Protein backbone atom coordinates (compact mmCIF):
# COMPACT_ATOMS: atom_id res chain seq x y z
CA MET A 1 -68.60 -18.73 -17.24
CA HIS A 2 -68.76 -15.61 -14.65
CA VAL A 3 -71.63 -15.90 -12.70
CA PHE A 4 -74.03 -13.40 -10.80
CA ARG A 5 -73.46 -13.88 -7.17
CA PRO A 6 -75.55 -11.38 -4.92
CA ASP A 7 -73.77 -12.61 -1.70
CA LEU A 8 -70.47 -10.85 -3.04
CA PHE A 9 -72.39 -7.45 -3.09
CA LEU A 10 -73.41 -7.54 0.68
CA GLU A 11 -72.92 -4.11 2.62
CA ARG A 12 -69.45 -5.08 3.90
CA PRO A 13 -66.05 -3.36 3.65
CA SER A 14 -64.49 -6.28 1.96
CA MET A 15 -67.59 -6.64 -0.62
CA TYR A 16 -65.44 -5.45 -3.41
CA SER A 17 -62.24 -7.10 -2.68
CA GLY A 18 -60.51 -8.09 -5.83
CA LYS A 19 -63.33 -7.00 -7.98
CA THR A 20 -63.70 -4.79 -11.18
CA ILE A 21 -65.91 -1.77 -11.45
CA VAL A 22 -66.40 -0.18 -14.72
CA VAL A 23 -67.75 3.49 -14.89
CA THR A 24 -68.68 4.93 -18.37
CA GLY A 25 -68.54 8.56 -18.83
CA GLY A 26 -66.08 8.27 -16.02
CA ALA A 27 -64.06 11.46 -16.59
CA GLY A 28 -67.24 13.50 -16.72
CA PHE A 29 -68.67 15.21 -13.57
CA ALA A 30 -70.89 12.41 -12.07
CA GLY A 31 -68.87 9.48 -13.54
CA SER A 32 -65.56 10.84 -11.87
CA HIS A 33 -67.21 11.80 -8.55
CA LEU A 34 -68.66 8.12 -8.58
CA ALA A 35 -65.67 6.39 -9.76
CA LEU A 36 -63.53 8.22 -6.85
CA ALA A 37 -65.96 7.34 -4.28
CA PHE A 38 -65.94 3.71 -5.15
CA LYS A 39 -62.38 3.41 -4.91
CA SER A 40 -62.18 5.64 -1.84
CA ASN A 41 -65.02 3.23 -0.17
CA TRP A 42 -63.36 -0.16 -1.52
CA PRO A 43 -59.70 0.62 -1.86
CA SER A 44 -58.94 -2.97 -2.91
CA ALA A 45 -61.60 -2.85 -6.02
CA ARG A 46 -60.11 -2.02 -9.23
CA VAL A 47 -61.90 1.05 -10.59
CA ILE A 48 -61.73 1.49 -14.59
CA ALA A 49 -62.95 5.18 -15.74
CA LEU A 50 -63.98 4.85 -19.59
CA ASP A 51 -64.03 8.09 -21.36
CA ASN A 52 -63.67 9.81 -24.70
CA LEU A 53 -62.99 12.99 -23.69
CA LYS A 54 -65.29 15.00 -25.77
CA ARG A 55 -66.75 17.26 -23.35
CA ARG A 56 -64.18 20.17 -22.97
CA GLY A 57 -62.60 19.87 -19.87
CA SER A 58 -63.41 16.56 -19.02
CA GLU A 59 -59.55 16.06 -19.62
CA LEU A 60 -58.49 17.91 -16.22
CA ASN A 61 -60.35 15.04 -14.15
CA ILE A 62 -57.59 12.58 -15.42
CA THR A 63 -54.98 13.40 -12.89
CA ARG A 64 -57.62 13.52 -10.03
CA LEU A 65 -58.59 10.00 -11.10
CA THR A 66 -55.27 8.20 -11.59
CA SER A 67 -53.57 9.87 -8.44
CA SER A 68 -56.39 8.03 -6.25
CA GLY A 69 -55.87 4.52 -7.98
CA VAL A 70 -58.80 4.87 -10.52
CA GLU A 71 -57.35 3.56 -13.90
CA PHE A 72 -58.42 5.70 -16.56
CA LEU A 73 -59.00 4.27 -19.96
CA HIS A 74 -59.80 6.32 -23.27
CA GLY A 75 -62.70 5.07 -25.07
CA ASP A 76 -65.99 5.46 -26.73
CA VAL A 77 -69.35 3.72 -25.71
CA ARG A 78 -70.16 3.63 -29.17
CA ASN A 79 -67.41 1.46 -30.32
CA ARG A 80 -67.49 -2.01 -29.70
CA GLU A 81 -63.67 -2.35 -30.32
CA ASP A 82 -63.12 -0.35 -27.11
CA PHE A 83 -64.93 -2.65 -24.99
CA ILE A 84 -62.96 -6.01 -25.94
CA THR A 85 -60.08 -3.83 -23.90
CA LEU A 86 -61.99 -4.07 -20.75
CA PRO A 87 -61.31 -6.81 -18.18
CA GLN A 88 -63.94 -9.22 -16.72
CA LEU A 89 -66.11 -6.85 -14.94
CA ASP A 90 -68.30 -7.33 -11.64
CA LEU A 91 -70.44 -3.84 -11.75
CA LEU A 92 -70.81 -1.43 -14.76
CA VAL A 93 -72.06 1.93 -13.81
CA GLU A 94 -73.40 3.93 -17.34
CA CYS A 95 -72.80 7.64 -16.83
CA SER A 96 -71.83 8.32 -20.52
CA ALA A 97 -74.02 10.69 -22.50
CA GLU A 98 -74.29 13.65 -24.66
CA PRO A 99 -76.27 15.62 -21.87
CA SER A 100 -77.70 18.62 -23.75
CA VAL A 101 -81.31 18.95 -24.19
CA LEU A 102 -80.79 21.06 -27.21
CA ALA A 103 -78.66 18.18 -28.83
CA GLY A 104 -80.00 17.62 -32.38
CA TYR A 105 -81.84 20.64 -32.76
CA ASP A 106 -79.30 22.60 -34.81
CA SER A 107 -77.19 19.73 -35.90
CA ALA A 108 -77.33 16.18 -37.06
CA PRO A 109 -78.57 14.00 -34.44
CA ASP A 110 -76.12 11.05 -35.05
CA TYR A 111 -73.80 11.82 -31.76
CA VAL A 112 -76.88 12.23 -29.49
CA ILE A 113 -78.60 9.03 -30.74
CA ASN A 114 -75.23 6.94 -31.11
CA SER A 115 -74.12 7.91 -27.73
CA ASN A 116 -76.99 7.68 -25.26
CA LEU A 117 -78.83 4.73 -26.92
CA MET A 118 -76.29 2.85 -29.15
CA GLY A 119 -73.63 3.40 -26.33
CA ALA A 120 -76.09 2.05 -23.81
CA LEU A 121 -76.94 -0.64 -25.53
CA ARG A 122 -73.07 -1.40 -25.95
CA CYS A 123 -72.89 -1.05 -22.35
CA LEU A 124 -75.79 -3.30 -21.77
CA GLU A 125 -74.44 -6.00 -23.86
CA TRP A 126 -70.89 -6.00 -21.82
CA ALA A 127 -72.66 -6.15 -18.79
CA ARG A 128 -74.70 -9.03 -19.82
CA ARG A 129 -71.81 -11.01 -20.94
CA TYR A 130 -70.28 -11.06 -17.31
CA GLU A 131 -73.51 -10.81 -15.78
CA ALA A 132 -72.47 -7.73 -14.13
CA PRO A 133 -75.16 -5.85 -12.15
CA PHE A 134 -75.99 -2.59 -14.26
CA LEU A 135 -76.72 0.82 -12.87
CA PHE A 136 -77.82 3.64 -15.41
CA LEU A 137 -77.83 7.20 -14.98
CA SER A 138 -80.94 8.38 -16.83
CA THR A 139 -82.77 11.72 -16.73
CA SER A 140 -86.09 13.45 -15.55
CA ARG A 141 -85.89 14.53 -19.24
CA VAL A 142 -87.83 11.29 -20.09
CA TYR A 143 -91.02 13.21 -19.32
CA PRO A 144 -92.75 14.80 -22.09
CA VAL A 145 -92.35 18.53 -22.74
CA GLN A 146 -95.91 18.93 -23.82
CA LEU A 147 -97.38 17.33 -20.61
CA LEU A 148 -95.13 19.27 -18.52
CA ASN A 149 -95.89 22.81 -20.14
CA ARG A 150 -99.63 21.67 -19.50
CA LEU A 151 -98.84 21.71 -15.69
CA LYS A 152 -101.10 24.17 -13.81
CA LEU A 153 -98.79 26.66 -12.09
CA VAL A 154 -99.01 29.57 -9.72
CA GLU A 155 -96.87 32.75 -10.41
CA GLU A 156 -95.09 33.87 -7.07
CA GLU A 157 -92.75 36.76 -6.60
CA THR A 158 -89.74 34.71 -7.43
CA ARG A 159 -90.67 31.65 -8.75
CA PHE A 160 -93.38 29.42 -10.45
CA ASP A 161 -94.93 26.66 -8.15
CA LEU A 162 -97.29 23.90 -8.81
CA ALA A 163 -101.15 24.89 -7.96
CA PRO A 164 -102.81 21.99 -6.02
CA ASP A 165 -105.05 20.90 -8.77
CA GLN A 166 -103.20 19.14 -11.82
CA PRO A 167 -104.60 17.69 -14.90
CA PHE A 168 -102.26 14.94 -14.79
CA PRO A 169 -101.61 11.85 -12.54
CA GLY A 170 -97.94 11.64 -10.83
CA VAL A 171 -97.96 15.28 -9.92
CA SER A 172 -98.20 16.43 -6.21
CA TYR A 173 -97.04 19.04 -4.06
CA GLU A 174 -93.71 17.15 -3.88
CA GLY A 175 -93.31 17.08 -7.81
CA ILE A 176 -93.30 14.77 -10.53
CA ALA A 177 -93.52 11.13 -9.52
CA GLU A 178 -92.68 8.07 -11.64
CA ALA A 179 -96.55 7.76 -12.54
CA PHE A 180 -96.30 10.87 -14.78
CA PRO A 181 -97.64 9.92 -18.32
CA LEU A 182 -95.16 9.23 -20.79
CA GLU A 183 -97.04 9.89 -23.73
CA GLY A 184 -95.54 12.76 -26.09
CA THR A 185 -92.66 14.30 -27.18
CA ARG A 186 -89.54 14.97 -24.83
CA SER A 187 -86.32 16.13 -26.93
CA LEU A 188 -83.78 13.73 -28.80
CA TYR A 189 -81.72 13.35 -25.43
CA GLY A 190 -85.01 12.66 -23.35
CA SER A 191 -85.93 10.18 -26.18
CA THR A 192 -82.74 8.56 -26.46
CA LYS A 193 -82.51 7.95 -22.61
CA LEU A 194 -86.09 6.68 -22.31
CA SER A 195 -85.26 4.03 -25.35
CA ALA A 196 -82.29 2.76 -23.30
CA GLU A 197 -84.66 2.58 -19.96
CA LEU A 198 -86.69 0.14 -22.49
CA PHE A 199 -83.98 -1.83 -23.29
CA ILE A 200 -82.39 -2.41 -19.76
CA ALA A 201 -86.12 -3.56 -18.78
CA GLU A 202 -85.62 -6.27 -21.71
CA TYR A 203 -82.42 -7.30 -20.67
CA GLN A 204 -83.63 -7.44 -16.88
CA GLU A 205 -86.47 -9.64 -18.09
CA ILE A 206 -85.02 -11.99 -20.63
CA TYR A 207 -81.29 -12.55 -19.34
CA GLY A 208 -81.94 -11.92 -15.54
CA LEU A 209 -79.59 -8.89 -15.55
CA PRO A 210 -79.65 -7.02 -12.21
CA ALA A 211 -80.18 -3.36 -13.14
CA VAL A 212 -81.53 -0.15 -11.78
CA ILE A 213 -82.36 3.19 -13.46
CA ASN A 214 -81.84 6.56 -11.56
CA ARG A 215 -83.96 9.42 -13.49
CA CYS A 216 -81.88 12.15 -12.12
CA GLY A 217 -82.75 16.00 -12.13
CA VAL A 218 -80.27 18.46 -12.10
CA ILE A 219 -77.08 17.16 -11.11
CA ALA A 220 -74.72 19.91 -9.65
CA GLY A 221 -71.73 20.73 -7.45
CA PRO A 222 -68.12 21.77 -7.54
CA GLY A 223 -66.14 20.22 -10.54
CA GLN A 224 -69.17 20.54 -13.16
CA LEU A 225 -68.12 22.38 -16.23
CA GLY A 226 -71.52 24.00 -16.67
CA ARG A 227 -72.98 25.34 -20.11
CA VAL A 228 -76.23 26.98 -20.85
CA ASP A 229 -77.97 24.17 -22.28
CA GLN A 230 -76.56 21.51 -19.15
CA GLY A 231 -75.15 22.07 -16.23
CA ILE A 232 -76.65 25.54 -15.71
CA LEU A 233 -76.07 26.25 -11.96
CA ALA A 234 -72.32 26.01 -12.31
CA PHE A 235 -72.86 27.77 -15.77
CA TRP A 236 -74.76 30.95 -13.69
CA ILE A 237 -71.89 30.64 -10.98
CA ALA A 238 -69.10 31.02 -13.37
CA ALA A 239 -70.82 34.02 -15.36
CA HIS A 240 -70.86 35.75 -11.85
CA VAL A 241 -67.43 35.17 -11.18
CA TYR A 242 -65.92 36.25 -14.45
CA GLU A 243 -68.62 38.86 -14.92
CA ARG A 244 -69.83 37.98 -17.69
CA PRO A 245 -73.53 38.75 -18.93
CA LEU A 246 -76.70 36.31 -18.73
CA SER A 247 -80.13 36.54 -19.99
CA TYR A 248 -83.45 35.21 -18.70
CA ILE A 249 -84.70 33.04 -21.39
CA GLY A 250 -88.45 32.64 -21.97
CA PHE A 251 -91.74 32.36 -19.44
CA GLY A 252 -91.72 35.91 -19.20
CA GLY A 253 -88.20 36.70 -19.20
CA GLN A 254 -88.15 37.15 -15.30
CA GLY A 255 -86.24 33.95 -14.52
CA LYS A 256 -88.87 32.29 -12.67
CA GLN A 257 -88.47 28.80 -14.28
CA LEU A 258 -88.01 26.61 -11.65
CA ARG A 259 -85.55 23.28 -11.16
CA ASP A 260 -84.29 21.30 -8.35
CA MET A 261 -80.73 20.76 -7.72
CA LEU A 262 -79.22 17.30 -6.93
CA HIS A 263 -75.72 18.02 -4.83
CA ILE A 264 -73.49 15.49 -6.37
CA GLN A 265 -72.66 14.24 -3.12
CA ASP A 266 -75.85 13.24 -2.41
CA LEU A 267 -76.56 11.08 -5.78
CA THR A 268 -72.72 9.56 -5.01
CA GLU A 269 -74.39 8.65 -1.32
CA LEU A 270 -77.50 7.12 -2.96
CA VAL A 271 -75.31 5.08 -5.61
CA LEU A 272 -73.19 3.68 -2.81
CA LYS A 273 -76.42 2.57 -1.10
CA GLN A 274 -77.73 0.77 -4.12
CA VAL A 275 -74.57 -1.13 -4.95
CA SER A 276 -74.63 -2.37 -1.46
CA GLN A 277 -78.20 -3.45 -1.91
CA ILE A 278 -78.25 -5.27 -5.56
CA ASP A 279 -80.99 -7.84 -4.06
CA LYS A 280 -83.50 -4.81 -4.57
CA TRP A 281 -82.75 -4.09 -8.23
CA ASP A 282 -85.43 -4.79 -10.34
CA GLY A 283 -85.00 -2.56 -13.19
CA ARG A 284 -87.89 -0.13 -12.35
CA PRO A 285 -87.04 3.55 -13.19
CA LEU A 286 -86.85 5.62 -10.03
CA ASN A 287 -86.49 9.45 -9.57
CA ALA A 288 -83.72 11.31 -7.94
CA GLY A 289 -83.33 14.98 -7.62
CA GLY A 290 -83.17 17.65 -4.87
CA GLY A 291 -86.91 17.74 -4.37
CA ARG A 292 -88.84 20.49 -3.02
CA GLU A 293 -85.99 21.45 -0.37
CA GLY A 294 -83.47 21.70 -3.27
CA SER A 295 -85.88 23.74 -5.87
CA VAL A 296 -84.36 27.26 -7.05
CA SER A 297 -85.55 29.43 -9.66
CA LEU A 298 -83.16 31.38 -11.81
CA CYS A 299 -84.13 34.68 -10.10
CA GLU A 300 -83.38 32.98 -6.66
CA LEU A 301 -80.15 31.64 -8.23
CA THR A 302 -79.06 35.06 -9.11
CA GLY A 303 -79.64 36.26 -5.62
CA LEU A 304 -77.42 33.31 -4.10
CA CYS A 305 -74.83 34.19 -6.60
CA GLN A 306 -74.70 37.68 -5.79
CA GLU A 307 -74.51 36.87 -2.13
CA PHE A 308 -71.44 34.35 -2.32
CA THR A 309 -69.54 36.02 -4.95
CA GLY A 310 -70.14 39.56 -4.21
CA LYS A 311 -70.95 40.67 -7.61
CA LYS A 312 -73.65 41.69 -9.67
CA ILE A 313 -73.97 41.48 -13.38
CA PRO A 314 -76.32 42.41 -16.02
CA ILE A 315 -79.03 40.30 -16.85
CA ASN A 316 -81.16 40.40 -20.36
CA SER A 317 -84.77 39.13 -20.88
CA VAL A 318 -85.47 37.16 -23.87
CA MET A 319 -89.24 36.59 -24.17
CA GLU A 320 -89.01 33.46 -26.68
CA ASN A 321 -88.98 30.23 -25.40
CA ARG A 322 -86.10 27.82 -26.09
CA PRO A 323 -86.78 24.72 -27.81
CA ALA A 324 -87.64 21.61 -25.45
CA ASP A 325 -87.72 24.08 -22.40
CA ILE A 326 -90.14 23.73 -19.56
CA PRO A 327 -91.19 26.24 -16.69
CA LEU A 328 -90.82 23.91 -13.89
CA TYR A 329 -89.44 20.20 -12.83
CA MET A 330 -89.45 19.26 -9.27
CA THR A 331 -88.74 15.73 -8.16
CA ASP A 332 -90.82 13.59 -6.07
CA ASN A 333 -88.00 11.46 -4.53
CA SER A 334 -90.76 9.25 -2.33
CA ALA A 335 -90.37 6.21 -4.12
CA MET A 336 -86.47 6.14 -3.85
CA SER A 337 -86.52 7.52 -0.37
CA ARG A 338 -88.87 4.52 0.64
CA LEU A 339 -86.57 1.71 -0.98
CA TYR A 340 -83.05 2.88 -0.07
CA ASP A 341 -83.76 5.06 2.77
CA TRP A 342 -82.17 8.04 1.08
CA GLU A 343 -83.28 11.54 0.65
CA PRO A 344 -81.10 14.92 -0.50
CA ARG A 345 -79.30 16.61 2.64
CA ARG A 346 -77.29 19.18 1.25
CA PRO A 347 -79.54 22.73 0.48
CA VAL A 348 -79.24 24.67 -2.68
CA GLN A 349 -77.21 27.61 -0.64
CA GLN A 350 -74.49 24.70 0.42
CA LEU A 351 -74.33 23.86 -3.44
CA VAL A 352 -74.01 27.32 -4.20
CA GLU A 353 -71.44 28.33 -1.55
CA GLU A 354 -69.28 25.31 -2.49
CA THR A 355 -69.50 25.44 -6.17
CA VAL A 356 -68.62 29.32 -6.06
CA ARG A 357 -65.16 28.54 -3.89
CA TRP A 358 -64.20 25.77 -6.42
CA VAL A 359 -64.70 28.06 -9.26
CA VAL A 360 -62.96 30.91 -7.38
CA ASP A 361 -60.19 28.73 -6.13
CA ASN A 362 -59.60 27.42 -9.75
CA LYS A 363 -60.46 30.57 -11.63
CA GLU A 364 -57.55 31.09 -14.08
CA ARG A 365 -57.58 27.09 -14.61
CA LEU A 366 -61.01 27.12 -15.75
CA ARG A 367 -61.31 30.32 -17.72
CA PRO A 368 -60.48 28.72 -20.68
CA ILE A 369 -63.48 26.45 -20.52
CA PHE A 370 -65.99 29.02 -19.07
CA CYS A 371 -65.02 32.01 -20.95
CA SER A 372 -64.37 30.54 -24.38
């Protein structure tokens, strides 16, 4: 039997010597960055990126992965047969997901449920088989939409912000903390992620499986193939680069809705810290986002896009809200920061500038994806 040994994961250059790391969703935005970071930090490790390539453009990452020494395996977390081909593993990082908050609203829910919940269970079971530590990328979307829409807000010139007095616990000037209530509905995307979190807690308790859950806010940066329903920063930037019209949808149609943006490199640095400190993993969900310093409204993002692209495009106003939309989400990272001595370091301006440069440098290659 493969026995989990915490001493093998102590922070030292050789900690993954001869070890195998599997990243599911490994050709996606977050997964590919993490797989490359593992291989760069521990060259002697065997790093495998498993992905079904459903998301258009993810195939573009295969060459980048394999040229850096990461093995690519075409497979689907929904299929048990695809796991059988995996070798004995020492760490499983679960990044696979149908990431759209609108998934299931205009189509059958099968894919989002099977991918995000049943896929996570397949990954959990495979980690249990080898007693391999399990790192799960969850989402801030586990927090209920109805309660987030009942937050007291202050309307400023370019954004909504949190009022000092709030009706729920887990809300402060810093944003939403883990103590925020979970009663209520949250979208199929959020529900499947929360359900997976609950199963991870059970595996932690019953089988002693080392696990950590990162409730990520909006992750962004160069390499993200953003859409209107997921990856909004890259989508907004691409619309400016390719001069395509945009819309401020809902909440007055002025673009004051606000999110915090977490640079993919800040997330990568967090995960590298976490996998070097397995002894701290207790299955608790912890928030990881850009925080107040990384927050930006759509209106403010438009200004940054104009600054870094030199282009101004038409933006329509749509008064009707989209399903499951919220006017504000900002991450309180306090618990994560205390535990791992981590905080996001890259400001929104840097995030926009780097992503603009990536889109412009790959303009023709990315055109079929962003302009389809």
